[in-house]
Protein backbone atom coordinates (compact mmCIF):
# COMPACT_ATOMS: atom_id res chain seq x y z
CA UNK A 1 14.82 -5.94 30.91
CA UNK A 2 13.46 -6.39 27.42
CA UNK A 3 12.60 -9.48 25.51
CA UNK A 4 13.73 -10.27 21.85
CA UNK A 5 10.94 -11.35 19.46
CA UNK A 6 11.17 -12.94 15.98
CA UNK A 7 9.43 -11.32 12.98
CA UNK A 8 6.61 -13.97 13.24
CA UNK A 9 6.09 -13.16 16.87
CA UNK A 10 6.06 -9.45 16.09
CA UNK A 11 3.37 -9.97 13.31
CA UNK A 12 1.29 -11.87 15.84
CA UNK A 13 1.67 -9.34 18.52
CA UNK A 14 0.84 -6.63 16.08
CA UNK A 15 -2.45 -8.33 15.04
CA UNK A 16 -3.40 -8.41 18.63
CA UNK A 17 -3.03 -4.65 18.93
CA UNK A 18 0.55 -4.36 20.14
CA UNK A 19 2.28 -1.07 19.43
CA UNK A 20 5.26 -1.20 17.08
CA UNK A 21 7.87 1.68 17.27
CA UNK A 22 10.48 2.36 14.60
CA UNK A 23 13.30 4.20 16.37
CA UNK A 24 15.29 5.00 13.17
CA UNK A 25 15.50 8.58 11.82
CA UNK A 26 12.27 10.13 10.25
CA UNK A 27 13.92 9.75 6.76
CA UNK A 28 14.39 6.06 7.24
CA UNK A 29 10.87 5.68 8.54
CA UNK A 30 9.38 7.66 5.60
CA UNK A 31 11.25 5.29 3.01
CA UNK A 32 9.64 2.02 4.36
CA UNK A 33 8.61 0.83 7.83
CA UNK A 34 6.75 -2.19 9.15
CA UNK A 35 3.06 -1.57 8.52
CA UNK A 36 1.35 0.32 11.40
CA UNK A 37 4.53 1.28 13.10
CA UNK A 38 4.96 4.76 14.62
CA UNK A 39 8.19 6.67 14.68
CA UNK A 40 9.89 7.64 17.88
CA UNK A 41 13.44 8.24 16.63
CA UNK A 42 16.62 8.26 18.80
CA UNK A 43 18.20 10.76 16.20
CA UNK A 44 16.95 13.32 13.66
CA UNK A 45 18.04 12.90 10.11
CA UNK A 46 20.79 15.42 10.70
CA UNK A 47 21.95 13.76 13.97
CA UNK A 48 22.02 10.37 12.41
CA UNK A 49 24.14 11.77 9.60
CA UNK A 50 26.51 13.41 12.05
CA UNK A 51 27.03 10.23 14.10
CA UNK A 52 27.58 8.40 10.68
CA UNK A 53 30.26 10.75 9.64
CA UNK A 54 31.99 10.53 13.07
CA UNK A 55 31.96 6.79 12.74
CA UNK A 56 33.68 6.91 9.30
CA UNK A 57 36.25 9.57 10.36
CA UNK A 58 36.98 8.71 14.03
CA UNK A 59 35.82 5.28 14.66
CA UNK A 60 33.18 3.35 16.53
CA UNK A 61 34.03 4.59 20.04
CA UNK A 62 33.85 8.28 18.96
CA UNK A 63 30.55 7.66 17.35
CA UNK A 64 29.09 6.01 20.44
CA UNK A 65 30.15 8.97 22.54
CA UNK A 66 28.58 11.31 20.20
CA UNK A 67 25.45 9.35 20.12
CA UNK A 68 25.26 9.17 23.85
CA UNK A 69 25.76 12.78 24.02
CA UNK A 70 22.92 13.70 21.66
CA UNK A 71 20.58 11.13 22.95
CA UNK A 72 20.97 11.98 26.66
CA UNK A 73 19.76 15.50 26.09
CA UNK A 74 16.43 14.20 24.66
CA UNK A 75 15.98 11.28 26.98
CA UNK A 76 13.15 12.69 29.26
CA UNK A 77 11.07 13.46 26.08
CA UNK A 78 11.77 10.16 24.51
CA UNK A 79 10.73 8.27 27.60
CA UNK A 80 7.67 10.33 27.98
CA UNK A 81 6.47 9.39 24.41
CA UNK A 82 6.67 5.73 25.36
CA UNK A 83 4.76 6.36 28.72
CA UNK A 84 1.86 7.84 26.57
CA UNK A 85 1.43 4.57 24.71
CA UNK A 86 -1.38 2.43 25.93
CA UNK A 87 -0.18 -1.09 24.95
CA UNK A 88 2.97 -3.14 25.31
CA UNK A 89 5.57 -2.10 22.76
CA UNK A 90 8.18 -3.58 20.55
CA UNK A 91 10.91 -1.29 19.11
CA UNK A 92 13.06 -2.02 16.03
CA UNK A 93 15.73 -0.26 14.01
CA UNK A 94 17.55 -1.40 10.75
CA UNK A 95 19.35 -4.56 11.97
CA UNK A 96 18.39 -4.91 15.60
CA UNK A 97 21.48 -3.22 16.77
CA UNK A 98 22.51 -0.34 19.04
CA UNK A 99 19.58 1.93 18.36
CA UNK A 100 16.84 -0.52 19.24
CA UNK A 101 18.83 -2.02 22.12
CA UNK A 102 19.43 1.47 23.60
CA UNK A 103 15.74 2.38 23.25
CA UNK A 104 14.62 -1.04 24.76
CA UNK A 105 16.98 -0.72 27.59
CA UNK A 106 16.19 2.72 28.75
CA UNK A 107 12.43 2.31 28.23
CA UNK A 108 12.53 -1.09 30.18
CA UNK A 109 14.36 0.62 33.05
CA UNK A 110 11.18 2.70 33.46
CA UNK A 111 9.14 -0.48 34.04
CA UNK A 112 7.40 -0.06 30.68
CA UNK A 113 6.85 -3.51 29.03
CA UNK A 114 8.84 -3.64 26.01
CA UNK A 115 10.32 -5.98 23.26
CA UNK A 116 12.99 -5.70 20.56
CA UNK A 117 12.69 -7.10 17.15
CA UNK A 118 15.56 -9.47 16.54
CA UNK A 119 17.40 -8.62 13.26
CA UNK A 120 15.43 -5.41 12.88
CA UNK A 121 13.39 -4.36 9.85
CA UNK A 122 15.92 -6.16 7.65
CA UNK A 123 14.93 -9.45 9.36
CA UNK A 124 11.20 -8.57 8.84
CA UNK A 125 11.68 -7.87 5.12
CA UNK A 126 13.52 -11.26 4.77
CA UNK A 127 10.74 -13.16 6.64
CA UNK A 128 7.93 -11.36 4.62
CA UNK A 129 9.67 -12.33 1.41
CA UNK A 130 9.59 -15.92 2.41
CA UNK A 131 5.91 -15.59 3.24
CA UNK A 132 4.98 -14.11 -0.15
CA UNK A 133 6.57 -17.18 -1.92
CA UNK A 134 5.19 -19.90 0.42
CA UNK A 135 2.01 -18.74 2.26
CA UNK A 136 -1.31 -20.42 1.33
CA UNK A 137 -3.31 -18.26 -1.06
CA UNK A 138 -7.11 -19.05 -0.72
CA UNK A 139 -9.18 -18.95 -3.95
CA UNK A 140 -9.19 -15.40 -5.46
CA UNK A 141 -12.27 -13.72 -6.91
CA UNK A 142 -11.23 -10.87 -9.24
CA UNK A 143 -13.34 -7.87 -9.80
CA UNK A 144 -12.51 -6.60 -13.40
CA UNK A 145 -13.93 -4.39 -15.92
CA UNK A 146 -13.22 -1.11 -17.75
CA UNK A 147 -11.90 2.07 -15.98
CA UNK A 148 -14.54 3.79 -13.88
CA UNK A 149 -16.71 0.86 -13.28
CA UNK A 150 -16.37 1.29 -9.45
CA UNK A 151 -14.37 -1.82 -8.77
CA UNK A 152 -12.34 -0.16 -5.83
CA UNK A 153 -15.55 1.17 -4.41
CA UNK A 154 -17.18 -2.14 -4.27
CA UNK A 155 -14.21 -3.82 -2.78
CA UNK A 156 -13.80 -1.18 -0.04
CA UNK A 157 -17.58 -1.40 0.77
CA UNK A 158 -17.42 -5.14 1.02
CA UNK A 159 -14.33 -4.96 3.30
CA UNK A 160 -16.32 -2.72 5.61
CA UNK A 161 -19.01 -5.56 5.61
CA UNK A 162 -16.53 -7.96 6.77
CA UNK A 163 -15.49 -9.71 3.50
CA UNK A 164 -11.77 -10.69 3.05
CA UNK A 165 -10.45 -8.01 0.69
CA UNK A 166 -6.93 -7.09 -0.56
CA UNK A 167 -6.89 -3.64 -2.02
CA UNK A 168 -3.79 -3.82 -4.23
CA UNK A 169 -4.28 -0.11 -5.50
CA UNK A 170 -4.51 1.03 -1.94
CA UNK A 171 -1.38 -0.82 -0.98
CA UNK A 172 0.37 0.71 -3.92
CA UNK A 173 -1.14 4.14 -3.38
CA UNK A 174 -1.71 4.37 -7.00
CA UNK A 175 -4.86 3.87 -9.22
CA UNK A 176 -3.10 1.97 -11.85
CA UNK A 177 -3.38 4.43 -14.85
CA UNK A 178 -1.17 7.09 -16.20
CA UNK A 179 -3.19 9.51 -13.95
CA UNK A 180 -3.15 7.03 -11.10
CA UNK A 181 -0.53 8.83 -8.97
CA UNK A 182 -2.29 12.21 -8.91
CA UNK A 183 -3.19 13.30 -5.41
CA UNK A 184 -1.44 10.42 -3.79
CA UNK A 185 2.06 9.56 -2.41
CA UNK A 186 2.81 6.14 -4.18
CA UNK A 187 4.34 3.33 -2.00
CA UNK A 188 7.62 1.85 -2.83
CA UNK A 189 8.15 -1.78 -3.54
CA UNK A 190 9.34 -2.74 -0.11
CA UNK A 191 6.36 -1.09 1.52
CA UNK A 192 3.83 -2.79 -0.92
CA UNK A 193 5.53 -6.26 -0.45
CA UNK A 194 5.18 -5.77 3.35
CA UNK A 195 1.48 -4.90 3.14
CA UNK A 196 0.56 -7.75 0.75
CA UNK A 197 2.52 -10.28 2.77
CA UNK A 198 0.88 -9.42 5.99
CA UNK A 199 -2.64 -9.41 4.16
CA UNK A 200 -1.99 -12.92 2.77
CA UNK A 201 -1.03 -14.29 6.35
CA UNK A 202 -4.13 -12.62 7.72
CA UNK A 203 -6.48 -14.26 5.12
CA UNK A 204 -4.72 -17.58 4.66
CA UNK A 205 -7.49 -19.60 6.27
CA UNK A 206 -10.38 -17.74 4.63
CA UNK A 207 -12.73 -19.53 2.04
CA UNK A 208 -11.70 -16.78 -0.58
CA UNK A 209 -10.14 -13.33 -1.06
CA UNK A 210 -11.51 -10.60 -3.19
CA UNK A 211 -9.10 -8.43 -5.26
CA UNK A 212 -9.28 -6.06 -8.21
CA UNK A 213 -8.04 -7.08 -11.60
CA UNK A 214 -4.65 -5.33 -12.22
CA UNK A 215 -1.77 -5.88 -14.55
CA UNK A 216 1.46 -7.07 -13.30
CA UNK A 217 2.47 -3.42 -12.50
CA UNK A 218 0.57 -0.79 -10.48
CA UNK A 219 2.36 2.36 -11.11
CA UNK A 220 6.01 1.51 -10.34
CA UNK A 221 5.01 -1.34 -8.21
CA UNK A 222 5.42 -5.00 -9.45
CA UNK A 223 2.92 -7.60 -8.11
CA UNK A 224 4.99 -10.61 -6.91
CA UNK A 225 4.83 -13.51 -9.39
CA UNK A 226 3.52 -16.12 -7.07
CA UNK A 227 0.43 -13.98 -6.34
CA UNK A 228 -0.01 -12.72 -9.85
CA UNK A 229 0.00 -16.12 -11.37
CA UNK A 230 -2.73 -17.19 -8.94
CA UNK A 231 -4.67 -14.01 -9.91
CA UNK A 232 -4.65 -14.84 -13.60
CA UNK A 233 -6.14 -18.29 -13.28
CA UNK A 234 -8.89 -17.15 -10.93
CA UNK A 235 -12.57 -16.49 -11.58
CA UNK A 236 -13.14 -12.92 -13.02
CA UNK A 237 -16.32 -10.90 -12.17
CA UNK A 238 -16.54 -8.38 -15.03
CA UNK A 239 -18.44 -5.16 -13.69
CA UNK A 240 -20.24 -3.22 -16.52
CA UNK A 241 -21.73 0.25 -15.77
CA UNK A 242 -23.20 2.73 -18.09
CA UNK A 243 -20.64 5.39 -19.55
CA UNK A 244 -22.17 8.28 -17.70
CA UNK A 245 -21.86 6.44 -14.33
CA UNK A 246 -18.22 5.66 -15.19
CA UNK A 247 -17.47 9.23 -15.81
CA UNK A 248 -19.07 10.36 -12.52
CA UNK A 249 -17.21 7.71 -10.66
CA UNK A 250 -13.76 8.91 -12.12
CA UNK A 251 -14.63 12.67 -11.43
CA UNK A 252 -15.38 11.85 -7.83
CA UNK A 253 -12.25 9.67 -7.38
CA UNK A 254 -9.75 11.94 -9.04
CA UNK A 255 -10.96 15.54 -8.17
CA UNK A 256 -9.32 16.94 -11.43
CA UNK A 257 -10.06 20.59 -10.49
CA UNK A 258 -7.82 20.17 -7.44
CA UNK A 259 -4.92 18.86 -9.59
CA UNK A 260 -5.42 20.63 -12.98
CA UNK A 261 -1.63 20.97 -13.76
CA UNK A 262 -0.93 17.40 -12.87
CA UNK A 263 -3.59 16.16 -15.24
CA UNK A 264 -2.22 18.26 -18.09
CA UNK A 265 1.24 16.85 -17.49
CA UNK A 266 -0.15 13.23 -17.39
CA UNK A 267 -2.08 13.78 -20.52
CA UNK A 268 1.12 14.81 -22.38
CA UNK A 269 2.53 11.38 -21.77
CA UNK A 270 -0.23 9.61 -23.70
CA UNK A 271 -1.28 12.37 -26.06
CA UNK A 272 0.73 10.92 -28.97
CA UNK A 273 -1.09 7.46 -28.58
CA UNK A 274 -4.47 8.97 -29.34
CA UNK A 275 -5.82 9.80 -32.79
CA UNK A 276 -4.84 13.48 -33.34
CA UNK A 277 -8.35 15.04 -33.71
CA UNK A 278 -9.40 13.38 -30.48
CA UNK A 279 -6.19 14.32 -28.58
CA UNK A 280 -6.70 17.97 -29.67
CA UNK A 281 -10.40 17.87 -28.52
CA UNK A 282 -9.10 16.45 -25.14
CA UNK A 283 -6.41 19.05 -24.81
CA UNK A 284 -9.08 21.86 -25.57
CA UNK A 285 -11.42 20.48 -22.99
CA UNK A 286 -8.61 20.35 -20.47
CA UNK A 287 -7.79 23.78 -21.08
CA UNK A 288 -11.29 24.84 -20.53
CA UNK A 289 -11.49 22.59 -17.52
CA UNK A 290 -14.41 20.63 -19.13
CA UNK A 291 -13.59 17.41 -17.12
CA UNK A 292 -16.58 15.26 -18.03
CA UNK A 293 -15.70 15.74 -21.75
CA UNK A 294 -12.01 14.91 -21.05
CA UNK A 295 -12.89 11.83 -19.01
CA UNK A 296 -15.49 10.53 -21.59
CA UNK A 297 -13.14 10.91 -24.55
CA UNK A 298 -10.26 9.39 -22.67
CA UNK A 299 -12.50 6.32 -21.78
CA UNK A 300 -13.90 6.05 -25.33
CA UNK A 301 -10.80 6.54 -27.42
CA UNK A 302 -8.04 5.51 -25.00
CA UNK A 303 -8.90 3.35 -22.06
CA UNK A 304 -11.46 1.13 -23.33
CA UNK A 305 -9.73 0.17 -26.53
CA UNK A 306 -6.60 -0.59 -24.76
CA UNK A 307 -8.47 -2.62 -21.98
CA UNK A 308 -10.34 -4.73 -24.63
CA UNK A 309 -6.99 -5.35 -26.37
CA UNK A 310 -5.10 -6.45 -23.23
CA UNK A 311 -7.77 -8.37 -21.34
CA UNK A 312 -7.85 -12.10 -22.28
CA UNK A 313 -9.57 -14.52 -19.88
CA UNK A 314 -10.83 -18.16 -20.37
CA UNK A 315 -14.52 -17.97 -20.93
CA UNK A 316 -15.17 -20.41 -18.05
CA UNK A 317 -13.61 -18.07 -15.66
CA UNK A 318 -15.76 -14.95 -16.62
CA UNK A 319 -19.00 -13.87 -14.90
CA UNK A 320 -20.56 -10.61 -16.25
CA UNK A 321 -22.36 -8.24 -13.83
CA UNK A 322 -24.22 -5.55 -15.81
CA UNK A 323 -25.84 -2.92 -13.55
CA UNK A 324 -26.83 0.72 -13.49
CA UNK A 325 -24.84 1.76 -10.37
CA UNK A 326 -22.04 0.75 -8.11
CA UNK A 327 -24.42 -0.15 -5.30
CA UNK A 328 -26.44 -2.44 -7.57
CA UNK A 329 -23.25 -4.11 -8.85
CA UNK A 330 -22.01 -4.56 -5.22
CA UNK A 331 -25.23 -6.39 -4.45
CA UNK A 332 -24.78 -8.65 -7.42
CA UNK A 333 -21.20 -9.52 -6.41
CA UNK A 334 -22.51 -10.35 -2.95
CA UNK A 335 -25.08 -12.72 -4.42
CA UNK A 336 -22.46 -14.43 -6.41
CA UNK A 337 -20.27 -14.88 -3.31
CA UNK A 338 -23.07 -16.10 -1.11
CA UNK A 339 -22.69 -19.51 -2.39
CA UNK A 340 -18.82 -19.38 -2.07
CA UNK A 341 -18.65 -18.66 1.80
């Protein structure tokens, strides 16, 4: 016998180390799943399409018969995958229908503790959307500054040290610039919203949360308005590093030699926005793979002017942190936060 659980109950179980299993097809799983879920599908992509076609052409009973025929052949392997899990399990499908019910029933018959998510991932999305609009958001401290100033590195290091950090670029899998997708597989909006909603629930009782300064869009992701408004009126810690340090940071983050063609493609998008002699110099440096020159010119003639034009904060919200390295800047951030904890 299995137990039905609500989205809130599943979130709490997940935070305790519960294993969450998406039994939908690999394609559905890849499009968006509950954060941390693994995929043990009842049907492959082709099998799911075949069952769907049968449903449309021959009706529900014929589709059920075909589904049972397909699934029965893989049942021993399916069960074995659940036996190898070391924690209690909750399964889900799209709407909490036959796929998750079938999975929970057959696994439960093998005396493996198992739950099913009521309403499936669709219900989890709805619940998460509600949280994004209503959950308490603690005070935010926003790391800001020009491109390459190591803001993400500082955040990730502080997270390892136990500080409450929400990495918006990490959730979006995009670095926020025209080159920001290179080497990454960007998240879609549904995945981003789930990650952000869960993070806000996790940190709602903290004294503060650290984030990075972002525009309302990170790649194709839109930051939810409720959270973005809060960010815009929060204290801003502006990190300032020397230009040569910023160039080194960007080269380390982006590994342009590994993605040379993608960098050329991305540069073409912004080339017309840069003064022609400078754009030509960047194009020549790219052709010669002289990436330090490329990055320095992009910072000096494109990103820094745009940043200076678009960034406007009330003076009483701004704290400047001018240092020679990311590590030194991180220590200054920690010193600032020491009186906030």
